[in-house]
Amino acid sequence: MTRFTLAAVTALLLAAAPVVAQTTPPQTPVQRTTPQQTTAPTTPASSPTPGSEEWLRLRGESYSAAPDAEQDPAEVAETIRLNAEIAARNNAAERREAEGAAAWQAEDARWRAEVARLETQRAQWEAAAAAAEAARLRYERDRAAWAAEVAACQRTGRCLPASEPKY
C-alpha cells in the first residue's frame, strides 16, 4: 500500500509540474539607474500609454527614426527593396489563395453534381425495385388463386381444362 501511495504522489507531482511552472508571476526587467537618475515611481493613473516612447523607454526599449538627412541611402534602398519583395510575396500568396479557393469551389460544385446524379440513380433504382416487388407479389397472388381454383376443380371433378395464368 505504501509503494502505491508513493507512486501516486509522484505521478501527481509530475503531472502538476507544468501547471506550477506556468503560474509563476512574470518578472519585470530590472532597470539600471545611476545615482543621478532616480525616477519617481509612476502611479497607475499616470502610467504612460502602451506603445508610446515613454512606455518603451520604461521597459528598456527605444526606437526613434533618424532624420532623413542622416539616413544611409544604401540602407534606405535595401529597405525599399525588401518591402517590395515582401509586398510581391504577399500578392503572390493572395493570388494563390484566390486560385485555391476557386479550385475548391469548382471541385465542390463537381462533387455536389456527382452526389445529385448518384442520388437520382439510387431513387430510380429504388423505384424500379419497388415496382418489381409489387409485380412479384401480384404474380404470387394470381398464382395462388389459380392453384386454389385448380385444387377445387379437381376435388369436385367438374373441371374444364384450364391453363396456368401467363404473364
N, C-alpha and C. Protein backbone atom coordinates (compact mmCIF):
# COMPACT_ATOMS: atom_id res chain seq x y z
N MET A 1 0.82 -1.19 0.00
CA MET A 1 0.00 0.00 0.00
C MET A 1 0.87 1.25 0.00
N THR A 2 1.98 1.23 0.72
CA THR A 2 2.86 2.40 0.81
C THR A 2 3.53 2.68 -0.52
N ARG A 3 3.94 1.63 -1.20
CA ARG A 3 4.58 1.79 -2.51
C ARG A 3 3.60 2.41 -3.52
N PHE A 4 2.35 1.98 -3.47
CA PHE A 4 1.33 2.54 -4.35
C PHE A 4 1.09 4.02 -4.05
N THR A 5 1.01 4.37 -2.80
CA THR A 5 0.79 5.76 -2.41
C THR A 5 1.95 6.63 -2.88
N LEU A 6 3.16 6.16 -2.70
CA LEU A 6 4.34 6.90 -3.14
C LEU A 6 4.32 7.09 -4.66
N ALA A 7 3.96 6.04 -5.39
CA ALA A 7 3.88 6.14 -6.85
C ALA A 7 2.79 7.11 -7.28
N ALA A 8 1.65 7.10 -6.60
CA ALA A 8 0.55 8.00 -6.94
C ALA A 8 0.93 9.45 -6.68
N VAL A 9 1.59 9.71 -5.55
CA VAL A 9 2.02 11.08 -5.23
C VAL A 9 3.05 11.55 -6.25
N THR A 10 3.98 10.70 -6.62
CA THR A 10 4.99 11.05 -7.61
C THR A 10 4.34 11.37 -8.95
N ALA A 11 3.40 10.54 -9.38
CA ALA A 11 2.71 10.79 -10.65
C ALA A 11 1.95 12.11 -10.60
N LEU A 12 1.30 12.39 -9.48
CA LEU A 12 0.56 13.64 -9.32
C LEU A 12 1.49 14.84 -9.40
N LEU A 13 2.64 14.75 -8.73
CA LEU A 13 3.61 15.85 -8.77
C LEU A 13 4.15 16.06 -10.18
N LEU A 14 4.44 14.98 -10.90
CA LEU A 14 4.94 15.10 -12.27
C LEU A 14 3.88 15.71 -13.19
N ALA A 15 2.62 15.36 -12.97
CA ALA A 15 1.55 15.91 -13.80
C ALA A 15 1.31 17.38 -13.49
N ALA A 16 1.50 17.78 -12.23
CA ALA A 16 1.23 19.16 -11.83
C ALA A 16 2.40 20.09 -12.10
N ALA A 17 3.59 19.57 -12.37
CA ALA A 17 4.77 20.42 -12.56
C ALA A 17 4.59 21.46 -13.67
N PRO A 18 4.06 21.12 -14.87
CA PRO A 18 3.88 22.15 -15.89
C PRO A 18 2.91 23.24 -15.46
N VAL A 19 1.88 22.87 -14.71
CA VAL A 19 0.89 23.86 -14.27
C VAL A 19 1.55 24.83 -13.29
N VAL A 20 2.33 24.29 -12.38
CA VAL A 20 3.00 25.14 -11.40
C VAL A 20 4.00 26.05 -12.09
N ALA A 21 4.70 25.53 -13.10
CA ALA A 21 5.68 26.32 -13.83
C ALA A 21 5.01 27.47 -14.58
N GLN A 22 3.79 27.27 -15.04
CA GLN A 22 3.10 28.30 -15.79
C GLN A 22 2.44 29.34 -14.90
N THR A 23 2.31 29.06 -13.63
CA THR A 23 1.61 30.00 -12.76
C THR A 23 2.55 30.94 -12.02
N THR A 24 3.84 30.91 -12.31
CA THR A 24 4.74 31.85 -11.65
C THR A 24 4.51 33.23 -12.24
N PRO A 25 4.56 34.26 -11.40
CA PRO A 25 4.30 35.62 -11.90
C PRO A 25 5.42 36.07 -12.82
N PRO A 26 5.11 36.86 -13.85
CA PRO A 26 6.14 37.32 -14.77
C PRO A 26 7.09 38.28 -14.05
N GLN A 27 8.33 38.18 -14.42
CA GLN A 27 9.35 39.03 -13.82
C GLN A 27 9.46 40.32 -14.61
N THR A 28 9.55 41.43 -13.91
CA THR A 28 9.74 42.71 -14.60
C THR A 28 11.23 42.94 -14.76
N PRO A 29 11.64 43.51 -15.90
CA PRO A 29 13.08 43.72 -16.11
C PRO A 29 13.59 44.75 -15.11
N VAL A 30 14.81 44.52 -14.68
CA VAL A 30 15.43 45.44 -13.73
C VAL A 30 16.00 46.61 -14.51
N GLN A 31 15.66 47.80 -14.10
CA GLN A 31 16.17 48.99 -14.76
C GLN A 31 17.43 49.43 -14.04
N ARG A 32 18.41 49.73 -14.83
CA ARG A 32 19.67 50.20 -14.25
C ARG A 32 19.60 51.71 -14.11
N THR A 33 19.88 52.18 -12.95
CA THR A 33 19.88 53.62 -12.73
C THR A 33 21.21 54.03 -12.13
N THR A 34 21.62 55.18 -12.48
CA THR A 34 22.83 55.74 -11.88
C THR A 34 22.40 56.58 -10.69
N PRO A 35 23.32 56.94 -9.84
CA PRO A 35 22.92 57.75 -8.69
C PRO A 35 22.25 59.04 -9.09
N GLN A 36 22.59 59.61 -10.25
CA GLN A 36 21.95 60.85 -10.66
C GLN A 36 20.54 60.60 -11.20
N GLN A 37 20.28 59.37 -11.66
CA GLN A 37 18.99 59.06 -12.26
C GLN A 37 18.10 58.36 -11.24
N THR A 38 17.32 59.07 -10.59
CA THR A 38 16.31 58.45 -9.73
C THR A 38 14.98 58.98 -10.21
N THR A 39 14.14 58.06 -10.57
CA THR A 39 12.83 58.45 -11.09
C THR A 39 11.79 58.17 -10.03
N ALA A 40 10.84 58.99 -9.99
CA ALA A 40 9.75 58.79 -9.05
C ALA A 40 8.87 57.66 -9.57
N PRO A 41 8.41 56.81 -8.70
CA PRO A 41 7.54 55.72 -9.16
C PRO A 41 6.26 56.29 -9.76
N THR A 42 5.85 55.63 -10.85
CA THR A 42 4.64 56.10 -11.53
C THR A 42 3.43 55.46 -10.89
N THR A 43 2.40 56.20 -10.82
CA THR A 43 1.15 55.68 -10.28
C THR A 43 0.34 55.14 -11.45
N PRO A 44 -0.56 54.24 -11.18
CA PRO A 44 -1.37 53.68 -12.27
C PRO A 44 -2.13 54.75 -13.04
N ALA A 45 -2.52 55.83 -12.38
CA ALA A 45 -3.28 56.87 -13.08
C ALA A 45 -2.40 57.63 -14.05
N SER A 46 -1.10 57.73 -13.75
CA SER A 46 -0.21 58.49 -14.64
C SER A 46 0.69 57.58 -15.46
N SER A 47 0.35 56.31 -15.61
CA SER A 47 1.19 55.40 -16.38
C SER A 47 1.11 55.78 -17.86
N PRO A 48 2.24 55.60 -18.58
CA PRO A 48 2.27 56.01 -19.99
C PRO A 48 1.40 55.09 -20.85
N THR A 49 1.03 55.61 -21.99
CA THR A 49 0.21 54.87 -22.94
C THR A 49 1.05 53.75 -23.57
N PRO A 50 0.53 52.53 -23.61
CA PRO A 50 1.29 51.45 -24.23
C PRO A 50 1.66 51.80 -25.67
N GLY A 51 2.93 51.56 -25.99
CA GLY A 51 3.44 51.84 -27.33
C GLY A 51 4.07 53.21 -27.46
N SER A 52 3.88 54.09 -26.49
CA SER A 52 4.47 55.43 -26.56
C SER A 52 5.96 55.35 -26.29
N GLU A 53 6.67 56.42 -26.62
CA GLU A 53 8.10 56.48 -26.39
C GLU A 53 8.42 56.25 -24.91
N GLU A 54 7.68 56.89 -24.02
CA GLU A 54 7.92 56.76 -22.59
C GLU A 54 7.67 55.33 -22.13
N TRP A 55 6.62 54.73 -22.63
CA TRP A 55 6.29 53.35 -22.29
C TRP A 55 7.41 52.42 -22.71
N LEU A 56 7.93 52.58 -23.95
CA LEU A 56 9.04 51.76 -24.42
C LEU A 56 10.29 52.01 -23.59
N ARG A 57 10.58 53.29 -23.28
CA ARG A 57 11.78 53.64 -22.52
C ARG A 57 11.74 53.01 -21.14
N LEU A 58 10.58 53.01 -20.49
CA LEU A 58 10.46 52.40 -19.17
C LEU A 58 10.74 50.90 -19.20
N ARG A 59 10.54 50.28 -20.32
CA ARG A 59 10.79 48.86 -20.46
C ARG A 59 12.17 48.58 -21.05
N GLY A 60 12.98 49.61 -21.17
CA GLY A 60 14.33 49.41 -21.66
C GLY A 60 14.42 49.34 -23.17
N GLU A 61 13.38 49.73 -23.87
CA GLU A 61 13.38 49.70 -25.32
C GLU A 61 13.26 51.12 -25.84
N SER A 62 13.84 51.35 -26.98
CA SER A 62 13.67 52.67 -27.58
C SER A 62 13.77 52.53 -29.09
N TYR A 63 13.04 53.37 -29.76
CA TYR A 63 13.09 53.44 -31.22
C TYR A 63 12.79 54.86 -31.61
N SER A 64 13.69 55.39 -32.37
CA SER A 64 13.43 56.71 -32.94
C SER A 64 14.11 56.75 -34.29
N ALA A 65 13.36 57.13 -35.29
CA ALA A 65 13.91 57.18 -36.64
C ALA A 65 14.83 58.39 -36.75
N ALA A 66 15.92 58.17 -37.43
CA ALA A 66 16.85 59.28 -37.66
C ALA A 66 16.24 60.21 -38.69
N PRO A 67 16.59 61.48 -38.68
CA PRO A 67 16.09 62.40 -39.69
C PRO A 67 16.53 61.93 -41.08
N ASP A 68 15.76 62.33 -42.11
CA ASP A 68 16.06 61.90 -43.48
C ASP A 68 17.47 62.23 -43.89
N ALA A 69 18.01 63.34 -43.44
CA ALA A 69 19.37 63.73 -43.82
C ALA A 69 20.40 62.75 -43.27
N GLU A 70 20.10 62.09 -42.17
CA GLU A 70 21.04 61.17 -41.56
C GLU A 70 20.85 59.72 -42.01
N GLN A 71 19.85 59.46 -42.82
CA GLN A 71 19.58 58.10 -43.29
C GLN A 71 20.66 57.67 -44.27
N ASP A 72 21.07 56.41 -44.20
CA ASP A 72 22.04 55.86 -45.14
C ASP A 72 21.28 55.50 -46.41
N PRO A 73 21.66 56.08 -47.56
CA PRO A 73 20.93 55.81 -48.81
C PRO A 73 20.93 54.33 -49.19
N ALA A 74 22.01 53.62 -48.92
CA ALA A 74 22.06 52.20 -49.26
C ALA A 74 21.07 51.42 -48.39
N GLU A 75 21.01 51.81 -47.11
CA GLU A 75 20.08 51.13 -46.20
C GLU A 75 18.63 51.43 -46.57
N VAL A 76 18.35 52.67 -46.96
CA VAL A 76 17.01 53.05 -47.40
C VAL A 76 16.63 52.26 -48.64
N ALA A 77 17.57 52.16 -49.60
CA ALA A 77 17.30 51.42 -50.84
C ALA A 77 17.06 49.94 -50.54
N GLU A 78 17.86 49.37 -49.62
CA GLU A 78 17.68 47.97 -49.25
C GLU A 78 16.33 47.76 -48.56
N THR A 79 15.94 48.70 -47.71
CA THR A 79 14.64 48.60 -47.04
C THR A 79 13.51 48.66 -48.06
N ILE A 80 13.63 49.57 -49.03
CA ILE A 80 12.61 49.68 -50.08
C ILE A 80 12.54 48.38 -50.88
N ARG A 81 13.72 47.81 -51.21
CA ARG A 81 13.76 46.57 -51.98
C ARG A 81 13.11 45.43 -51.18
N LEU A 82 13.46 45.32 -49.89
CA LEU A 82 12.89 44.27 -49.05
C LEU A 82 11.38 44.44 -48.89
N ASN A 83 10.94 45.68 -48.71
CA ASN A 83 9.50 45.93 -48.60
C ASN A 83 8.77 45.54 -49.89
N ALA A 84 9.37 45.86 -51.04
CA ALA A 84 8.77 45.50 -52.33
C ALA A 84 8.72 43.98 -52.48
N GLU A 85 9.79 43.30 -52.03
CA GLU A 85 9.82 41.84 -52.11
C GLU A 85 8.73 41.23 -51.22
N ILE A 86 8.58 41.77 -50.04
CA ILE A 86 7.54 41.27 -49.13
C ILE A 86 6.16 41.52 -49.72
N ALA A 87 5.96 42.70 -50.29
CA ALA A 87 4.66 43.01 -50.92
C ALA A 87 4.39 42.07 -52.09
N ALA A 88 5.42 41.77 -52.88
CA ALA A 88 5.25 40.85 -54.01
C ALA A 88 4.90 39.45 -53.51
N ARG A 89 5.57 39.00 -52.46
CA ARG A 89 5.26 37.67 -51.89
C ARG A 89 3.84 37.64 -51.34
N ASN A 90 3.44 38.73 -50.68
CA ASN A 90 2.07 38.78 -50.16
C ASN A 90 1.05 38.75 -51.28
N ASN A 91 1.31 39.50 -52.36
CA ASN A 91 0.39 39.49 -53.51
C ASN A 91 0.32 38.11 -54.14
N ALA A 92 1.49 37.44 -54.27
CA ALA A 92 1.50 36.10 -54.84
C ALA A 92 0.73 35.13 -53.94
N ALA A 93 0.90 35.29 -52.64
CA ALA A 93 0.16 34.41 -51.70
C ALA A 93 -1.33 34.66 -51.80
N GLU A 94 -1.75 35.91 -51.90
CA GLU A 94 -3.17 36.21 -52.06
C GLU A 94 -3.72 35.63 -53.36
N ARG A 95 -2.92 35.73 -54.42
CA ARG A 95 -3.33 35.19 -55.72
C ARG A 95 -3.48 33.67 -55.62
N ARG A 96 -2.48 33.00 -54.98
CA ARG A 96 -2.57 31.54 -54.82
C ARG A 96 -3.77 31.15 -53.97
N GLU A 97 -4.04 31.94 -52.94
CA GLU A 97 -5.19 31.65 -52.08
C GLU A 97 -6.50 31.80 -52.86
N ALA A 98 -6.58 32.84 -53.69
CA ALA A 98 -7.79 33.04 -54.50
C ALA A 98 -7.94 31.91 -55.51
N GLU A 99 -6.82 31.50 -56.12
CA GLU A 99 -6.88 30.39 -57.08
C GLU A 99 -7.29 29.10 -56.38
N GLY A 100 -6.74 28.88 -55.18
CA GLY A 100 -7.11 27.69 -54.42
C GLY A 100 -8.57 27.70 -54.04
N ALA A 101 -9.07 28.86 -53.63
CA ALA A 101 -10.49 28.97 -53.28
C ALA A 101 -11.37 28.69 -54.50
N ALA A 102 -10.97 29.23 -55.65
CA ALA A 102 -11.75 29.00 -56.88
C ALA A 102 -11.71 27.52 -57.26
N ALA A 103 -10.53 26.90 -57.14
CA ALA A 103 -10.42 25.47 -57.45
C ALA A 103 -11.28 24.64 -56.50
N TRP A 104 -11.27 25.02 -55.22
CA TRP A 104 -12.08 24.29 -54.26
C TRP A 104 -13.56 24.43 -54.58
N GLN A 105 -13.99 25.65 -54.93
CA GLN A 105 -15.39 25.86 -55.25
C GLN A 105 -15.79 25.06 -56.49
N ALA A 106 -14.90 24.99 -57.48
CA ALA A 106 -15.20 24.21 -58.68
C ALA A 106 -15.29 22.72 -58.33
N GLU A 107 -14.37 22.24 -57.52
CA GLU A 107 -14.39 20.83 -57.13
C GLU A 107 -15.61 20.54 -56.27
N ASP A 108 -15.97 21.47 -55.40
CA ASP A 108 -17.16 21.30 -54.56
C ASP A 108 -18.41 21.22 -55.43
N ALA A 109 -18.51 22.08 -56.44
CA ALA A 109 -19.66 22.05 -57.36
C ALA A 109 -19.70 20.73 -58.12
N ARG A 110 -18.52 20.25 -58.57
CA ARG A 110 -18.45 18.97 -59.28
C ARG A 110 -18.90 17.84 -58.37
N TRP A 111 -18.44 17.86 -57.12
CA TRP A 111 -18.80 16.82 -56.16
C TRP A 111 -20.30 16.85 -55.89
N ARG A 112 -20.87 18.06 -55.71
CA ARG A 112 -22.31 18.16 -55.45
C ARG A 112 -23.12 17.65 -56.65
N ALA A 113 -22.67 17.94 -57.86
CA ALA A 113 -23.37 17.44 -59.05
C ALA A 113 -23.30 15.91 -59.11
N GLU A 114 -22.14 15.35 -58.77
CA GLU A 114 -21.98 13.89 -58.77
C GLU A 114 -22.87 13.26 -57.71
N VAL A 115 -22.95 13.87 -56.54
CA VAL A 115 -23.82 13.35 -55.47
C VAL A 115 -25.28 13.41 -55.92
N ALA A 116 -25.68 14.50 -56.55
CA ALA A 116 -27.06 14.62 -57.02
C ALA A 116 -27.36 13.55 -58.08
N ARG A 117 -26.40 13.31 -58.99
CA ARG A 117 -26.58 12.29 -60.02
C ARG A 117 -26.73 10.91 -59.37
N LEU A 118 -25.88 10.61 -58.40
CA LEU A 118 -25.96 9.31 -57.73
C LEU A 118 -27.24 9.16 -56.91
N GLU A 119 -27.69 10.23 -56.30
CA GLU A 119 -28.96 10.19 -55.55
C GLU A 119 -30.12 9.94 -56.51
N THR A 120 -30.08 10.54 -57.68
CA THR A 120 -31.14 10.31 -58.68
C THR A 120 -31.13 8.86 -59.11
N GLN A 121 -29.93 8.32 -59.38
CA GLN A 121 -29.83 6.91 -59.77
C GLN A 121 -30.36 5.99 -58.66
N ARG A 122 -30.00 6.31 -57.41
CA ARG A 122 -30.46 5.50 -56.29
C ARG A 122 -31.99 5.54 -56.19
N ALA A 123 -32.57 6.73 -56.35
CA ALA A 123 -34.03 6.86 -56.29
C ALA A 123 -34.68 6.07 -57.43
N GLN A 124 -34.10 6.13 -58.62
CA GLN A 124 -34.64 5.37 -59.75
C GLN A 124 -34.54 3.87 -59.49
N TRP A 125 -33.40 3.43 -58.94
CA TRP A 125 -33.24 2.01 -58.63
C TRP A 125 -34.25 1.56 -57.59
N GLU A 126 -34.46 2.39 -56.55
CA GLU A 126 -35.43 2.04 -55.52
C GLU A 126 -36.84 1.97 -56.09
N ALA A 127 -37.17 2.87 -57.01
CA ALA A 127 -38.50 2.84 -57.64
C ALA A 127 -38.65 1.58 -58.48
N ALA A 128 -37.60 1.24 -59.23
CA ALA A 128 -37.65 0.02 -60.06
C ALA A 128 -37.74 -1.22 -59.17
N ALA A 129 -37.01 -1.25 -58.06
CA ALA A 129 -37.05 -2.40 -57.15
C ALA A 129 -38.44 -2.51 -56.52
N ALA A 130 -39.05 -1.38 -56.16
CA ALA A 130 -40.40 -1.41 -55.59
C ALA A 130 -41.41 -1.92 -56.62
N ALA A 131 -41.27 -1.48 -57.87
CA ALA A 131 -42.19 -1.94 -58.93
C ALA A 131 -42.01 -3.44 -59.17
N ALA A 132 -40.77 -3.91 -59.16
CA ALA A 132 -40.52 -5.34 -59.36
C ALA A 132 -41.10 -6.15 -58.20
N GLU A 133 -40.96 -5.65 -56.98
CA GLU A 133 -41.51 -6.35 -55.81
C GLU A 133 -43.04 -6.40 -55.89
N ALA A 134 -43.66 -5.29 -56.31
CA ALA A 134 -45.12 -5.27 -56.45
C ALA A 134 -45.57 -6.27 -57.52
N ALA A 135 -44.85 -6.35 -58.63
CA ALA A 135 -45.20 -7.30 -59.69
C ALA A 135 -45.03 -8.72 -59.19
N ARG A 136 -43.96 -8.99 -58.41
CA ARG A 136 -43.74 -10.34 -57.88
C ARG A 136 -44.88 -10.73 -56.94
N LEU A 137 -45.28 -9.81 -56.07
CA LEU A 137 -46.37 -10.11 -55.14
C LEU A 137 -47.68 -10.34 -55.89
N ARG A 138 -47.96 -9.53 -56.94
CA ARG A 138 -49.17 -9.72 -57.74
C ARG A 138 -49.14 -11.09 -58.42
N TYR A 139 -47.98 -11.49 -58.96
CA TYR A 139 -47.85 -12.81 -59.61
C TYR A 139 -48.12 -13.92 -58.60
N GLU A 140 -47.53 -13.79 -57.40
CA GLU A 140 -47.72 -14.84 -56.40
C GLU A 140 -49.19 -14.93 -55.97
N ARG A 141 -49.88 -13.79 -55.86
CA ARG A 141 -51.32 -13.79 -55.53
C ARG A 141 -52.11 -14.49 -56.64
N ASP A 142 -51.85 -14.08 -57.90
CA ASP A 142 -52.57 -14.69 -59.03
C ASP A 142 -52.28 -16.19 -59.13
N ARG A 143 -51.06 -16.58 -58.90
CA ARG A 143 -50.66 -18.00 -58.97
C ARG A 143 -51.36 -18.78 -57.86
N ALA A 144 -51.43 -18.21 -56.66
CA ALA A 144 -52.09 -18.89 -55.54
C ALA A 144 -53.59 -19.02 -55.82
N ALA A 145 -54.19 -17.97 -56.39
CA ALA A 145 -55.62 -18.04 -56.73
C ALA A 145 -55.86 -19.12 -57.79
N TRP A 146 -55.00 -19.18 -58.79
CA TRP A 146 -55.13 -20.20 -59.84
C TRP A 146 -54.96 -21.60 -59.27
N ALA A 147 -53.95 -21.77 -58.36
CA ALA A 147 -53.72 -23.09 -57.75
C ALA A 147 -54.93 -23.50 -56.90
N ALA A 148 -55.54 -22.55 -56.20
CA ALA A 148 -56.73 -22.86 -55.38
C ALA A 148 -57.90 -23.25 -56.29
N GLU A 149 -58.04 -22.56 -57.40
CA GLU A 149 -59.12 -22.88 -58.34
C GLU A 149 -58.94 -24.27 -58.93
N VAL A 150 -57.72 -24.62 -59.28
CA VAL A 150 -57.44 -25.96 -59.84
C VAL A 150 -57.70 -27.03 -58.79
N ALA A 151 -57.28 -26.77 -57.55
CA ALA A 151 -57.50 -27.76 -56.48
C ALA A 151 -58.99 -27.97 -56.24
N ALA A 152 -59.78 -26.90 -56.24
CA ALA A 152 -61.22 -27.02 -56.04
C ALA A 152 -61.86 -27.77 -57.19
N CYS A 153 -61.40 -27.52 -58.36
CA CYS A 153 -61.93 -28.18 -59.54
C CYS A 153 -61.64 -29.68 -59.50
N GLN A 154 -60.44 -30.02 -59.07
CA GLN A 154 -60.07 -31.44 -59.01
C GLN A 154 -60.85 -32.17 -57.91
N ARG A 155 -61.17 -31.48 -56.85
CA ARG A 155 -61.95 -32.11 -55.77
C ARG A 155 -63.38 -32.41 -56.24
N THR A 156 -63.95 -31.48 -56.97
CA THR A 156 -65.34 -31.67 -57.39
C THR A 156 -65.45 -32.52 -58.63
N GLY A 157 -64.44 -32.58 -59.41
CA GLY A 157 -64.45 -33.36 -60.63
C GLY A 157 -65.10 -32.63 -61.78
N ARG A 158 -65.56 -31.44 -61.60
CA ARG A 158 -66.16 -30.68 -62.69
C ARG A 158 -65.18 -29.61 -63.12
N CYS A 159 -64.30 -29.97 -63.93
CA CYS A 159 -63.26 -29.02 -64.35
C CYS A 159 -63.22 -28.93 -65.85
N LEU A 160 -63.03 -27.77 -66.28
CA LEU A 160 -62.70 -27.55 -67.67
C LEU A 160 -61.19 -27.43 -67.72
N PRO A 161 -60.61 -27.90 -68.76
CA PRO A 161 -59.15 -27.77 -68.81
C PRO A 161 -58.77 -26.29 -68.77
N ALA A 162 -58.03 -25.95 -67.78
CA ALA A 162 -57.59 -24.55 -67.62
C ALA A 162 -56.09 -24.50 -67.74
N SER A 163 -55.67 -23.42 -68.16
CA SER A 163 -54.22 -23.28 -68.30
C SER A 163 -53.71 -22.34 -67.18
N GLU A 164 -52.46 -22.48 -66.93
CA GLU A 164 -51.83 -21.64 -65.92
C GLU A 164 -51.81 -20.21 -66.41
N PRO A 165 -52.01 -19.23 -65.52
CA PRO A 165 -52.00 -17.83 -65.98
C PRO A 165 -50.64 -17.46 -66.59
N LYS A 166 -50.70 -16.67 -67.62
CA LYS A 166 -49.46 -16.30 -68.31
C LYS A 166 -49.20 -14.81 -68.09
N TYR A 167 -47.97 -14.52 -67.94
CA TYR A 167 -47.56 -13.13 -67.74
C TYR A 167 -46.53 -12.74 -68.73
